[in-house]
Amino acid sequence: MKFIEHDLGGSTAVEIVSDEVVINAEQDVLDLMADIGYLYDSRKIILNREILNDEFFDLSSGMAGSVMQKFSNYRVQAAIIVDFNDAGKSLKAFIIECNRTGQVIFTADMNTALEALV
């Protein structure tokens, strides 16, 4: 796992990159938020689909809701880069609601993610 800093012109977003799943539980998100806050003094995180456990996208598991709540509680803004063209109706509704609030943004590409975090 590595961290990549993205300058947002006054703040920094930190992208988490890994070939392996990094987020398997709520505690993993808390650990990443703490690491990024401490190491980079940033409250903006970019997550790629590859680092999220498949359970995250199964809304019945409750994992996505719990993770979103952690971002909200700790006032950390996140962008999740993933293609949701094949997502079911419930997942699409969840994504629309998350994007509406702006705390966590789901997007298909890095440029849109960076624009949303500015």
PDB file of N, CA and C in Angstrom:
ATOM      1  N   MET A   1       0.848  -1.175   0.000  1.00  0.00           N
ATOM      2  CA  MET A   1       0.000   0.000   0.000  1.00  0.00           C
ATOM      3  C   MET A   1       0.889   1.232   0.000  1.00  0.00           C
ATOM      4  N   LYS A   2       0.473   2.234  -0.761  1.00  0.00           N
ATOM      5  CA  LYS A   2       1.188   3.502  -0.743  1.00  0.00           C
ATOM      6  C   LYS A   2       0.195   4.648  -0.812  1.00  0.00           C
ATOM      7  N   PHE A   3       0.661   5.816  -0.435  1.00  0.00           N
ATOM      8  CA  PHE A   3      -0.151   7.029  -0.447  1.00  0.00           C
ATOM      9  C   PHE A   3       0.396   7.970  -1.510  1.00  0.00           C
ATOM     10  N   ILE A   4      -0.501   8.582  -2.276  1.00  0.00           N
ATOM     11  CA  ILE A   4      -0.124   9.570  -3.283  1.00  0.00           C
ATOM     12  C   ILE A   4      -0.831  10.875  -2.938  1.00  0.00           C
ATOM     13  N   GLU A   5      -0.041  11.942  -2.794  1.00  0.00           N
ATOM     14  CA  GLU A   5      -0.590  13.260  -2.489  1.00  0.00           C
ATOM     15  C   GLU A   5      -1.035  13.956  -3.770  1.00  0.00           C
ATOM     16  N   HIS A   6      -2.186  14.611  -3.685  1.00  0.00           N
ATOM     17  CA  HIS A   6      -2.710  15.420  -4.781  1.00  0.00           C
ATOM     18  C   HIS A   6      -2.934  16.831  -4.246  1.00  0.00           C
ATOM     19  N   ASP A   7      -2.240  17.793  -4.825  1.00  0.00           N
ATOM     20  CA  ASP A   7      -2.376  19.191  -4.412  1.00  0.00           C
ATOM     21  C   ASP A   7      -3.682  19.748  -4.961  1.00  0.00           C
ATOM     22  N   LEU A   8      -4.490  20.301  -4.060  1.00  0.00           N
ATOM     23  CA  LEU A   8      -5.774  20.868  -4.450  1.00  0.00           C
ATOM     24  C   LEU A   8      -5.753  22.396  -4.384  1.00  0.00           C
ATOM     25  N   GLY A   9      -4.569  22.972  -4.362  1.00  0.00           N
ATOM     26  CA  GLY A   9      -4.466  24.425  -4.309  1.00  0.00           C
ATOM     27  C   GLY A   9      -4.932  24.974  -2.973  1.00  0.00           C
ATOM     28  N   GLY A  10      -4.264  24.616  -1.927  1.00  0.00           N
ATOM     29  CA  GLY A  10      -4.618  25.075  -0.589  1.00  0.00           C
ATOM     30  C   GLY A  10      -4.882  23.939   0.372  1.00  0.00           C
ATOM     31  N   SER A  11      -5.125  22.768  -0.165  1.00  0.00           N
ATOM     32  CA  SER A  11      -5.280  21.575   0.663  1.00  0.00           C
ATOM     33  C   SER A  11      -4.732  20.385  -0.122  1.00  0.00           C
ATOM     34  N   THR A  12      -4.684  19.250   0.538  1.00  0.00           N
ATOM     35  CA  THR A  12      -4.144  18.041  -0.075  1.00  0.00           C
ATOM     36  C   THR A  12      -5.140  16.904   0.062  1.00  0.00           C
ATOM     37  N   ALA A  13      -5.319  16.165  -1.013  1.00  0.00           N
ATOM     38  CA  ALA A  13      -6.074  14.917  -0.967  1.00  0.00           C
ATOM     39  C   ALA A  13      -5.058  13.790  -1.072  1.00  0.00           C
ATOM     40  N   VAL A  14      -5.300  12.719  -0.347  1.00  0.00           N
ATOM     41  CA  VAL A  14      -4.374  11.592  -0.347  1.00  0.00           C
ATOM     42  C   VAL A  14      -5.078  10.377  -0.929  1.00  0.00           C
ATOM     43  N   GLU A  15      -4.476   9.855  -1.985  1.00  0.00           N
ATOM     44  CA  GLU A  15      -4.996   8.662  -2.650  1.00  0.00           C
ATOM     45  C   GLU A  15      -4.327   7.430  -2.050  1.00  0.00           C
ATOM     46  N   ILE A  16      -5.127   6.427  -1.778  1.00  0.00           N
ATOM     47  CA  ILE A  16      -4.606   5.169  -1.255  1.00  0.00           C
ATOM     48  C   ILE A  16      -4.534   4.189  -2.419  1.00  0.00           C
ATOM     49  N   VAL A  17      -3.344   3.673  -2.671  1.00  0.00           N
ATOM     50  CA  VAL A  17      -3.117   2.781  -3.802  1.00  0.00           C
ATOM     51  C   VAL A  17      -2.591   1.451  -3.282  1.00  0.00           C
ATOM     52  N   SER A  18      -3.186   0.373  -3.775  1.00  0.00           N
ATOM     53  CA  SER A  18      -2.736  -0.962  -3.395  1.00  0.00           C
ATOM     54  C   SER A  18      -3.258  -1.968  -4.411  1.00  0.00           C
ATOM     55  N   ASP A  19      -2.517  -3.040  -4.579  1.00  0.00           N
ATOM     56  CA  ASP A  19      -2.963  -4.142  -5.427  1.00  0.00           C
ATOM     57  C   ASP A  19      -3.865  -5.091  -4.651  1.00  0.00           C
ATOM     58  N   GLU A  20      -3.971  -4.871  -3.364  1.00  0.00           N
ATOM     59  CA  GLU A  20      -4.763  -5.743  -2.493  1.00  0.00           C
ATOM     60  C   GLU A  20      -5.896  -4.959  -1.852  1.00  0.00           C
ATOM     61  N   VAL A  21      -6.887  -5.666  -1.363  1.00  0.00           N
ATOM     62  CA  VAL A  21      -7.974  -5.045  -0.605  1.00  0.00           C
ATOM     63  C   VAL A  21      -7.394  -4.517   0.696  1.00  0.00           C
ATOM     64  N   VAL A  22      -7.658  -3.256   0.983  1.00  0.00           N
ATOM     65  CA  VAL A  22      -7.139  -2.606   2.183  1.00  0.00           C
ATOM     66  C   VAL A  22      -8.262  -2.383   3.198  1.00  0.00           C
ATOM     67  N   ILE A  23      -9.463  -2.164   2.708  1.00  0.00           N
ATOM     68  CA  ILE A  23     -10.594  -1.879   3.596  1.00  0.00           C
ATOM     69  C   ILE A  23     -11.504  -3.094   3.648  1.00  0.00           C
ATOM     70  N   ASN A  24     -11.410  -3.796   4.775  1.00  0.00           N
ATOM     71  CA  ASN A  24     -12.234  -4.978   5.017  1.00  0.00           C
ATOM     72  C   ASN A  24     -13.232  -4.759   6.144  1.00  0.00           C
ATOM     73  N   ALA A  25     -13.035  -3.697   6.920  1.00  0.00           N
ATOM     74  CA  ALA A  25     -13.882  -3.427   8.082  1.00  0.00           C
ATOM     75  C   ALA A  25     -13.806  -1.946   8.432  1.00  0.00           C
ATOM     76  N   GLU A  26     -14.709  -1.521   9.302  1.00  0.00           N
ATOM     77  CA  GLU A  26     -14.740  -0.128   9.747  1.00  0.00           C
ATOM     78  C   GLU A  26     -13.401   0.313  10.333  1.00  0.00           C
ATOM     79  N   GLN A  27     -12.769  -0.543  11.093  1.00  0.00           N
ATOM     80  CA  GLN A  27     -11.507  -0.189  11.742  1.00  0.00           C
ATOM     81  C   GLN A  27     -10.432   0.163  10.723  1.00  0.00           C
ATOM     82  N   ASP A  28     -10.468  -0.492   9.571  1.00  0.00           N
ATOM     83  CA  ASP A  28      -9.497  -0.180   8.525  1.00  0.00           C
ATOM     84  C   ASP A  28      -9.643   1.264   8.053  1.00  0.00           C
ATOM     85  N   VAL A  29     -10.864   1.727   7.945  1.00  0.00           N
ATOM     86  CA  VAL A  29     -11.124   3.118   7.542  1.00  0.00           C
ATOM     87  C   VAL A  29     -10.627   4.069   8.620  1.00  0.00           C
ATOM     88  N   LEU A  30     -10.903   3.753   9.866  1.00  0.00           N
ATOM     89  CA  LEU A  30     -10.435   4.600  10.968  1.00  0.00           C
ATOM     90  C   LEU A  30      -8.913   4.685  10.983  1.00  0.00           C
ATOM     91  N   ASP A  31      -8.249   3.555  10.766  1.00  0.00           N
ATOM     92  CA  ASP A  31      -6.785   3.541  10.738  1.00  0.00           C
ATOM     93  C   ASP A  31      -6.248   4.391   9.591  1.00  0.00           C
ATOM     94  N   LEU A  32      -6.856   4.280   8.415  1.00  0.00           N
ATOM     95  CA  LEU A  32      -6.415   5.080   7.267  1.00  0.00           C
ATOM     96  C   LEU A  32      -6.634   6.566   7.510  1.00  0.00           C
ATOM     97  N   MET A  33      -7.772   6.927   8.071  1.00  0.00           N
ATOM     98  CA  MET A  33      -8.036   8.339   8.366  1.00  0.00           C
ATOM     99  C   MET A  33      -7.001   8.878   9.349  1.00  0.00           C
ATOM    100  N   ALA A  34      -6.671   8.092  10.351  1.00  0.00           N
ATOM    101  CA  ALA A  34      -5.673   8.516  11.343  1.00  0.00           C
ATOM    102  C   ALA A  34      -4.301   8.658  10.698  1.00  0.00           C
ATOM    103  N   ASP A  35      -3.908   7.683   9.899  1.00  0.00           N
ATOM    104  CA  ASP A  35      -2.605   7.743   9.231  1.00  0.00           C
ATOM    105  C   ASP A  35      -2.501   8.960   8.318  1.00  0.00           C
ATOM    106  N   ILE A  36      -3.512   9.186   7.519  1.00  0.00           N
ATOM    107  CA  ILE A  36      -3.487  10.300   6.580  1.00  0.00           C
ATOM    108  C   ILE A  36      -3.546  11.640   7.305  1.00  0.00           C
ATOM    109  N   GLY A  37      -4.321  11.697   8.357  1.00  0.00           N
ATOM    110  CA  GLY A  37      -4.370  12.920   9.153  1.00  0.00           C
ATOM    111  C   GLY A  37      -3.033  13.232   9.793  1.00  0.00           C
ATOM    112  N   TYR A  38      -2.391  12.217  10.324  1.00  0.00           N
ATOM    113  CA  TYR A  38      -1.102  12.400  11.000  1.00  0.00           C
ATOM    114  C   TYR A  38       0.036  12.656  10.013  1.00  0.00           C
ATOM    115  N   LEU A  39       0.131  11.818   8.985  1.00  0.00           N
ATOM    116  CA  LEU A  39       1.254  11.908   8.055  1.00  0.00           C
ATOM    117  C   LEU A  39       1.155  13.072   7.074  1.00  0.00           C
ATOM    118  N   TYR A  40      -0.062  13.418   6.684  1.00  0.00           N
ATOM    119  CA  TYR A  40      -0.243  14.424   5.630  1.00  0.00           C
ATOM    120  C   TYR A  40      -1.068  15.627   6.069  1.00  0.00           C
ATOM    121  N   ASP A  41      -1.560  15.613   7.300  1.00  0.00           N
ATOM    122  CA  ASP A  41      -2.425  16.683   7.790  1.00  0.00           C
ATOM    123  C   ASP A  41      -3.566  16.942   6.806  1.00  0.00           C
ATOM    124  N   SER A  42      -4.181  15.862   6.333  1.00  0.00           N
ATOM    125  CA  SER A  42      -5.245  15.956   5.338  1.00  0.00           C
ATOM    126  C   SER A  42      -6.519  15.300   5.846  1.00  0.00           C
ATOM    127  N   ARG A  43      -7.639  15.876   5.455  1.00  0.00           N
ATOM    128  CA  ARG A  43      -8.945  15.332   5.773  1.00  0.00           C
ATOM    129  C   ARG A  43      -9.692  14.997   4.486  1.00  0.00           C
ATOM    130  N   LYS A  44      -8.923  14.681   3.439  1.00  0.00           N
ATOM    131  CA  LYS A  44      -9.498  14.334   2.135  1.00  0.00           C
ATOM    132  C   LYS A  44      -8.805  13.079   1.618  1.00  0.00           C
ATOM    133  N   ILE A  45      -9.621  12.062   1.307  1.00  0.00           N
ATOM    134  CA  ILE A  45      -9.103  10.752   0.931  1.00  0.00           C
ATOM    135  C   ILE A  45      -9.706  10.333  -0.403  1.00  0.00           C
ATOM    136  N   ILE A  46      -8.871   9.711  -1.221  1.00  0.00           N
ATOM    137  CA  ILE A  46      -9.341   9.138  -2.485  1.00  0.00           C
ATOM    138  C   ILE A  46      -9.144   7.630  -2.408  1.00  0.00           C
ATOM    139  N   LEU A  47     -10.227   6.900  -2.638  1.00  0.00           N
ATOM    140  CA  LEU A  47     -10.203   5.443  -2.592  1.00  0.00           C
ATOM    141  C   LEU A  47     -10.530   4.888  -3.974  1.00  0.00           C
ATOM    142  N   ASN A  48      -9.744   3.965  -4.448  1.00  0.00           N
ATOM    143  CA  ASN A  48     -10.043   3.266  -5.694  1.00  0.00           C
ATOM    144  C   ASN A  48     -10.794   1.982  -5.371  1.00  0.00           C
ATOM    145  N   ARG A  49     -11.605   1.541  -6.284  1.00  0.00           N
ATOM    146  CA  ARG A  49     -12.442   0.354  -6.110  1.00  0.00           C
ATOM    147  C   ARG A  49     -11.637  -0.854  -5.630  1.00  0.00           C
ATOM    148  N   GLU A  50     -10.444  -0.998  -6.140  1.00  0.00           N
ATOM    149  CA  GLU A  50      -9.636  -2.185  -5.861  1.00  0.00           C
ATOM    150  C   GLU A  50      -9.294  -2.359  -4.386  1.00  0.00           C
ATOM    151  N   ILE A  51      -9.320  -1.288  -3.618  1.00  0.00           N
ATOM    152  CA  ILE A  51      -8.929  -1.420  -2.211  1.00  0.00           C
ATOM    153  C   ILE A  51     -10.114  -1.700  -1.297  1.00  0.00           C
ATOM    154  N   LEU A  52     -11.336  -1.698  -1.860  1.00  0.00           N
ATOM    155  CA  LEU A  52     -12.539  -1.934  -1.073  1.00  0.00           C
ATOM    156  C   LEU A  52     -13.002  -3.380  -1.192  1.00  0.00           C
ATOM    157  N   ASN A  53     -13.313  -3.975  -0.064  1.00  0.00           N
ATOM    158  CA  ASN A  53     -13.863  -5.320  -0.014  1.00  0.00           C
ATOM    159  C   ASN A  53     -15.187  -5.348  -0.771  1.00  0.00           C
ATOM    160  N   ASP A  54     -15.497  -6.437  -1.459  1.00  0.00           N
ATOM    161  CA  ASP A  54     -16.760  -6.562  -2.191  1.00  0.00           C
ATOM    162  C   ASP A  54     -17.969  -6.378  -1.277  1.00  0.00           C
ATOM    163  N   GLU A  55     -17.820  -6.721  -0.018  1.00  0.00           N
ATOM    164  CA  GLU A  55     -18.900  -6.575   0.960  1.00  0.00           C
ATOM    165  C   GLU A  55     -19.353  -5.114   1.066  1.00  0.00           C
ATOM    166  N   PHE A  56     -18.441  -4.183   0.832  1.00  0.00           N
ATOM    167  CA  PHE A  56     -18.768  -2.765   0.878  1.00  0.00           C
ATOM    168  C   PHE A  56     -19.921  -2.446  -0.070  1.00  0.00           C
ATOM    169  N   PHE A  57     -19.953  -3.082  -1.241  1.00  0.00           N
ATOM    170  CA  PHE A  57     -20.947  -2.785  -2.262  1.00  0.00           C
ATOM    171  C   PHE A  57     -22.228  -3.591  -2.117  1.00  0.00           C
ATOM    172  N   ASP A  58     -22.284  -4.474  -1.123  1.00  0.00           N
ATOM    173  CA  ASP A  58     -23.499  -5.210  -0.789  1.00  0.00           C
ATOM    174  C   ASP A  58     -24.169  -4.459   0.359  1.00  0.00           C
ATOM    175  N   LEU A  59     -25.158  -3.641   0.021  1.00  0.00           N
ATOM    176  CA  LEU A  59     -25.750  -2.761   1.031  1.00  0.00           C
ATOM    177  C   LEU A  59     -26.353  -3.529   2.206  1.00  0.00           C
ATOM    178  N   SER A  60     -26.768  -4.764   1.982  1.00  0.00           N
ATOM    179  CA  SER A  60     -27.360  -5.537   3.077  1.00  0.00           C
ATOM    180  C   SER A  60     -26.335  -5.870   4.161  1.00  0.00           C
ATOM    181  N   SER A  61     -25.046  -5.779   3.840  1.00  0.00           N
ATOM    182  CA  SER A  61     -24.006  -6.064   4.836  1.00  0.00           C
ATOM    183  C   SER A  61     -23.878  -4.937   5.861  1.00  0.00           C
ATOM    184  N   GLY A  62     -24.282  -3.738   5.485  1.00  0.00           N
ATOM    185  CA  GLY A  62     -24.181  -2.591   6.390  1.00  0.00           C
ATOM    186  C   GLY A  62     -22.813  -1.931   6.396  1.00  0.00           C
ATOM    187  N   MET A  63     -21.847  -2.521   5.699  1.00  0.00           N
ATOM    188  CA  MET A  63     -20.494  -1.986   5.727  1.00  0.00           C
ATOM    189  C   MET A  63     -20.420  -0.587   5.112  1.00  0.00           C
ATOM    190  N   ALA A  64     -21.048  -0.377   3.967  1.00  0.00           N
ATOM    191  CA  ALA A  64     -20.987   0.936   3.309  1.00  0.00           C
ATOM    192  C   ALA A  64     -21.568   2.021   4.210  1.00  0.00           C
ATOM    193  N   GLY A  65     -22.694   1.746   4.816  1.00  0.00           N
ATOM    194  CA  GLY A  65     -23.303   2.727   5.716  1.00  0.00           C
ATOM    195  C   GLY A  65     -22.417   3.040   6.909  1.00  0.00           C
ATOM    196  N   SER A  66     -21.790   2.025   7.471  1.00  0.00           N
ATOM    197  CA  SER A  66     -20.896   2.227   8.611  1.00  0.00           C
ATOM    198  C   SER A  66     -19.671   3.040   8.219  1.00  0.00           C
ATOM    199  N   VAL A  67     -19.119   2.738   7.055  1.00  0.00           N
ATOM    200  CA  VAL A  67     -17.948   3.472   6.581  1.00  0.00           C
ATOM    201  C   VAL A  67     -18.317   4.930   6.306  1.00  0.00           C
ATOM    202  N   MET A  68     -19.463   5.151   5.674  1.00  0.00           N
ATOM    203  CA  MET A  68     -19.909   6.529   5.401  1.00  0.00           C
ATOM    204  C   MET A  68     -20.080   7.303   6.705  1.00  0.00           C
ATOM    205  N   GLN A  69     -20.603   6.628   7.716  1.00  0.00           N
ATOM    206  CA  GLN A  69     -20.804   7.272   9.013  1.00  0.00           C
ATOM    207  C   GLN A  69     -19.471   7.681   9.636  1.00  0.00           C
ATOM    208  N   LYS A  70     -18.453   6.858   9.470  1.00  0.00           N
ATOM    209  CA  LYS A  70     -17.119   7.207  10.000  1.00  0.00           C
ATOM    210  C   LYS A  70     -16.587   8.471   9.331  1.00  0.00           C
ATOM    211  N   PHE A  71     -16.715   8.552   8.003  1.00  0.00           N
ATOM    212  CA  PHE A  71     -16.271   9.758   7.303  1.00  0.00           C
ATOM    213  C   PHE A  71     -17.021  10.982   7.821  1.00  0.00           C
ATOM    214  N   SER A  72     -18.306  10.839   8.029  1.00  0.00           N
ATOM    215  CA  SER A  72     -19.122  11.951   8.520  1.00  0.00           C
ATOM    216  C   SER A  72     -18.742  12.330   9.951  1.00  0.00           C
ATOM    217  N   ASN A  73     -18.630  11.353  10.828  1.00  0.00           N
ATOM    218  CA  ASN A  73     -18.306  11.619  12.230  1.00  0.00           C
ATOM    219  C   ASN A  73     -16.973  12.340  12.393  1.00  0.00           C
ATOM    220  N   TYR A  74     -15.999  11.962  11.579  1.00  0.00           N
ATOM    221  CA  TYR A  74     -14.659  12.528  11.703  1.00  0.00           C
ATOM    222  C   TYR A  74     -14.396  13.656  10.706  1.00  0.00           C
ATOM    223  N   ARG A  75     -15.453  14.051  10.011  1.00  0.00           N
ATOM    224  CA  ARG A  75     -15.399  15.159   9.047  1.00  0.00           C
ATOM    225  C   ARG A  75     -14.260  14.991   8.037  1.00  0.00           C
ATOM    226  N   VAL A  76     -14.182  13.803   7.496  1.00  0.00           N
ATOM    227  CA  VAL A  76     -13.218  13.496   6.448  1.00  0.00           C
ATOM    228  C   VAL A  76     -14.003  13.356   5.150  1.00  0.00           C
ATOM    229  N   GLN A  77     -13.588  14.083   4.133  1.00  0.00           N
ATOM    230  CA  GLN A  77     -14.235  14.011   2.835  1.00  0.00           C
ATOM    231  C   GLN A  77     -13.540  12.930   2.008  1.00  0.00           C
ATOM    232  N   ALA A  78     -14.326  12.133   1.311  1.00  0.00           N
ATOM    233  CA  ALA A  78     -13.762  11.033   0.537  1.00  0.00           C
ATOM    234  C   ALA A  78     -14.342  11.009  -0.865  1.00  0.00           C
ATOM    235  N   ALA A  79     -13.517  10.583  -1.794  1.00  0.00           N
ATOM    236  CA  ALA A  79     -13.961  10.308  -3.161  1.00  0.00           C
ATOM    237  C   ALA A  79     -13.651   8.847  -3.439  1.00  0.00           C
ATOM    238  N   ILE A  80     -14.646   8.137  -3.921  1.00  0.00           N
ATOM    239  CA  ILE A  80     -14.478   6.727  -4.257  1.00  0.00           C
ATOM    240  C   ILE A  80     -14.583   6.604  -5.772  1.00  0.00           C
ATOM    241  N   ILE A  81     -13.506   6.130  -6.384  1.00  0.00           N
ATOM    242  CA  ILE A  81     -13.470   6.019  -7.838  1.00  0.00           C
ATOM    243  C   ILE A  81     -13.844   4.600  -8.236  1.00  0.00           C
ATOM    244  N   VAL A  82     -14.975   4.500  -8.920  1.00  0.00           N
ATOM    245  CA  VAL A  82     -15.493   3.192  -9.317  1.00  0.00           C
ATOM    246  C   VAL A  82     -16.518   3.376 -10.433  1.00  0.00           C
ATOM    247  N   ASP A  83     -16.612   2.402 -11.310  1.00  0.00           N
ATOM    248  CA  ASP A  83     -17.598   2.411 -12.386  1.00  0.00           C
ATOM    249  C   ASP A  83     -18.841   1.670 -11.891  1.00  0.00           C
ATOM    250  N   PHE A  84     -19.960   2.391 -11.825  1.00  0.00           N
ATOM    251  CA  PHE A  84     -21.184   1.796 -11.301  1.00  0.00           C
ATOM    252  C   PHE A  84     -22.240   1.568 -12.368  1.00  0.00           C
ATOM    253  N   ASN A  85     -21.829   1.397 -13.606  1.00  0.00           N
ATOM    254  CA  ASN A  85     -22.797   1.178 -14.687  1.00  0.00           C
ATOM    255  C   ASN A  85     -23.641  -0.066 -14.469  1.00  0.00           C
ATOM    256  N   ASP A  86     -23.073  -1.079 -13.828  1.00  0.00           N
ATOM    257  CA  ASP A  86     -23.801  -2.326 -13.617  1.00  0.00           C
ATOM    258  C   ASP A  86     -24.407  -2.428 -12.218  1.00  0.00           C
ATOM    259  N   ALA A  87     -24.403  -1.333 -11.472  1.00  0.00           N
ATOM    260  CA  ALA A  87     -24.935  -1.357 -10.104  1.00  0.00           C
ATOM    261  C   ALA A  87     -26.452  -1.527 -10.108  1.00  0.00           C
ATOM    262  N   GLY A  88     -26.934  -2.183  -9.082  1.00  0.00           N
ATOM    263  CA  GLY A  88     -28.368  -2.364  -8.933  1.00  0.00           C
ATOM    264  C   GLY A  88     -29.055  -1.079  -8.487  1.00  0.00           C
ATOM    265  N   LYS A  89     -30.362  -1.113  -8.461  1.00  0.00           N
ATOM    266  CA  LYS A  89     -31.177   0.062  -8.147  1.00  0.00           C
ATOM    267  C   LYS A  89     -30.890   0.625  -6.751  1.00  0.00           C
ATOM    268  N   SER A  90     -30.776  -0.234  -5.769  1.00  0.00           N
ATOM    269  CA  SER A  90     -30.528   0.217  -4.390  1.00  0.00           C
ATOM    270  C   SER A  90     -29.156   0.869  -4.253  1.00  0.00           C
ATOM    271  N   LEU A  91     -28.156   0.259  -4.865  1.00  0.00           N
ATOM    272  CA  LEU A  91     -26.809   0.808  -4.794  1.00  0.00           C
ATOM    273  C   LEU A  91     -26.737   2.153  -5.517  1.00  0.00           C
ATOM    274  N   LYS A  92     -27.398   2.266  -6.659  1.00  0.00           N
ATOM    275  CA  LYS A  92     -27.423   3.540  -7.375  1.00  0.00           C
ATOM    276  C   LYS A  92     -28.094   4.623  -6.535  1.00  0.00           C
ATOM    277  N   ALA A  93     -29.175   4.289  -5.858  1.00  0.00           N
ATOM    278  CA  ALA A  93     -29.862   5.255  -4.988  1.00  0.00           C
ATOM    279  C   ALA A  93     -28.944   5.686  -3.846  1.00  0.00           C
ATOM    280  N   PHE A  94     -28.210   4.747  -3.280  1.00  0.00           N
ATOM    281  CA  PHE A  94     -27.263   5.045  -2.211  1.00  0.00           C
ATOM    282  C   PHE A  94     -26.181   6.003  -2.712  1.00  0.00           C
ATOM    283  N   ILE A  95     -25.655   5.740  -3.892  1.00  0.00           N
ATOM    284  CA  ILE A  95     -24.615   6.584  -4.484  1.00  0.00           C
ATOM    285  C   ILE A  95     -25.144   7.992  -4.729  1.00  0.00           C
ATOM    286  N   ILE A  96     -26.334   8.103  -5.266  1.00  0.00           N
ATOM    287  CA  ILE A  96     -26.936   9.419  -5.526  1.00  0.00           C
ATOM    288  C   ILE A  96     -27.072  10.195  -4.231  1.00  0.00           C
ATOM    289  N   GLU A  97     -27.525   9.543  -3.176  1.00  0.00           N
ATOM    290  CA  GLU A  97     -27.682  10.223  -1.879  1.00  0.00           C
ATOM    291  C   GLU A  97     -26.328  10.655  -1.321  1.00  0.00           C
ATOM    292  N   CYS A  98     -25.334   9.793  -1.397  1.00  0.00           N
ATOM    293  CA  CYS A  98     -23.994  10.158  -0.920  1.00  0.00           C
ATOM    294  C   CYS A  98     -23.454  11.352  -1.704  1.00  0.00           C
ATOM    295  N   ASN A  99     -23.587  11.320  -3.007  1.00  0.00           N
ATOM    296  CA  ASN A  99     -23.083  12.415  -3.837  1.00  0.00           C
ATOM    297  C   ASN A  99     -23.815  13.722  -3.544  1.00  0.00           C
ATOM    298  N   ARG A 100     -25.083  13.628  -3.185  1.00  0.00           N
ATOM    299  CA  ARG A 100     -25.871  14.826  -2.865  1.00  0.00           C
ATOM    300  C   ARG A 100     -25.340  15.526  -1.621  1.00  0.00           C
ATOM    301  N   THR A 101     -24.945  14.757  -0.630  1.00  0.00           N
ATOM    302  CA  THR A 101     -24.461  15.365   0.614  1.00  0.00           C
ATOM    303  C   THR A 101     -23.034  15.884   0.479  1.00  0.00           C
ATOM    304  N   GLY A 102     -22.229  15.264  -0.383  1.00  0.00           N
ATOM    305  CA  GLY A 102     -20.875  15.746  -0.641  1.00  0.00           C
ATOM    306  C   GLY A 102     -19.807  15.274   0.335  1.00  0.00           C
ATOM    307  N   GLN A 103     -20.170  14.575   1.391  1.00  0.00           N
ATOM    308  CA  GLN A 103     -19.166  14.059   2.326  1.00  0.00           C
ATOM    309  C   GLN A 103     -18.361  12.943   1.675  1.00  0.00           C
ATOM    310  N   VAL A 104     -19.070  12.064   0.978  1.00  0.00           N
ATOM    311  CA  VAL A 104     -18.447  10.992   0.211  1.00  0.00           C
ATOM    312  C   VAL A 104     -18.999  11.082  -1.206  1.00  0.00           C
ATOM    313  N   ILE A 105     -18.090  11.148  -2.164  1.00  0.00           N
ATOM    314  CA  ILE A 105     -18.474  11.278  -3.558  1.00  0.00           C
ATOM    315  C   ILE A 105     -18.055  10.026  -4.297  1.00  0.00           C
ATOM    316  N   PHE A 106     -18.968   9.457  -5.049  1.00  0.00           N
ATOM    317  CA  PHE A 106     -18.656   8.335  -5.923  1.00  0.00           C
ATOM    318  C   PHE A 106     -18.513   8.890  -7.334  1.00  0.00           C
ATOM    319  N   THR A 107     -17.432   8.548  -7.995  1.00  0.00           N
ATOM    320  CA  THR A 107     -17.166   9.059  -9.337  1.00  0.00           C
ATOM    321  C   THR A 107     -16.411   8.015 -10.145  1.00  0.00           C
ATOM    322  N   ALA A 108     -16.442   8.175 -11.457  1.00  0.00           N
ATOM    323  CA  ALA A 108     -15.807   7.192 -12.325  1.00  0.00           C
ATOM    324  C   ALA A 108     -14.362   7.510 -12.661  1.00  0.00           C
ATOM    325  N   ASP A 109     -13.887   8.736 -12.346  1.00  0.00           N
ATOM    326  CA  ASP A 109     -12.516   9.076 -12.748  1.00  0.00           C
ATOM    327  C   ASP A 109     -11.847  10.013 -11.749  1.00  0.00           C
ATOM    328  N   MET A 110     -10.530  10.055 -11.835  1.00  0.00           N
ATOM    329  CA  MET A 110      -9.715  10.841 -10.903  1.00  0.00           C
ATOM    330  C   MET A 110      -9.974  12.343 -11.036  1.00  0.00           C
ATOM    331  N   ASN A 111     -10.090  12.858 -12.253  1.00  0.00           N
ATOM    332  CA  ASN A 111     -10.302  14.301 -12.431  1.00  0.00           C
ATOM    333  C   ASN A 111     -11.560  14.778 -11.723  1.00  0.00           C
ATOM    334  N   THR A 112     -12.646  14.029 -11.862  1.00  0.00           N
ATOM    335  CA  THR A 112     -13.897  14.395 -11.194  1.00  0.00           C
ATOM    336  C   THR A 112     -13.745  14.287  -9.681  1.00  0.00           C
ATOM    337  N   ALA A 113     -13.017  13.277  -9.233  1.00  0.00           N
ATOM    338  CA  ALA A 113     -12.776  13.117  -7.795  1.00  0.00           C
ATOM    339  C   ALA A 113     -12.027  14.330  -7.238  1.00  0.00           C
ATOM    340  N   LEU A 114     -10.973  14.742  -7.926  1.00  0.00           N
ATOM    341  CA  LEU A 114     -10.184  15.895  -7.456  1.00  0.00           C
ATOM    342  C   LEU A 114     -11.018  17.170  -7.470  1.00  0.00           C
ATOM    343  N   GLU A 115     -11.801  17.389  -8.501  1.00  0.00           N
ATOM    344  CA  GLU A 115     -12.674  18.564  -8.572  1.00  0.00           C
ATOM    345  C   GLU A 115     -13.676  18.572  -7.423  1.00  0.00           C
ATOM    346  N   ALA A 116     -14.210  17.416  -7.086  1.00  0.00           N
ATOM    347  CA  ALA A 116     -15.194  17.325  -6.005  1.00  0.00           C
ATOM    348  C   ALA A 116     -14.574  17.607  -4.634  1.00  0.00           C
ATOM    349  N   LEU A 117     -13.297  17.312  -4.479  1.00  0.00           N
ATOM    350  CA  LEU A 117     -12.631  17.497  -3.179  1.00  0.00           C
ATOM    351  C   LEU A 117     -12.061  18.892  -2.981  1.00  0.00           C
ATOM    352  N   VAL A 118     -12.053  19.707  -4.033  1.00  0.00           N
ATOM    353  CA  VAL A 118     -11.507  21.073  -3.903  1.00  0.00           C
ATOM    354  C   VAL A 118     -12.421  21.877  -2.996  1.00  0.00           C
TER     355      VAL A 118
END
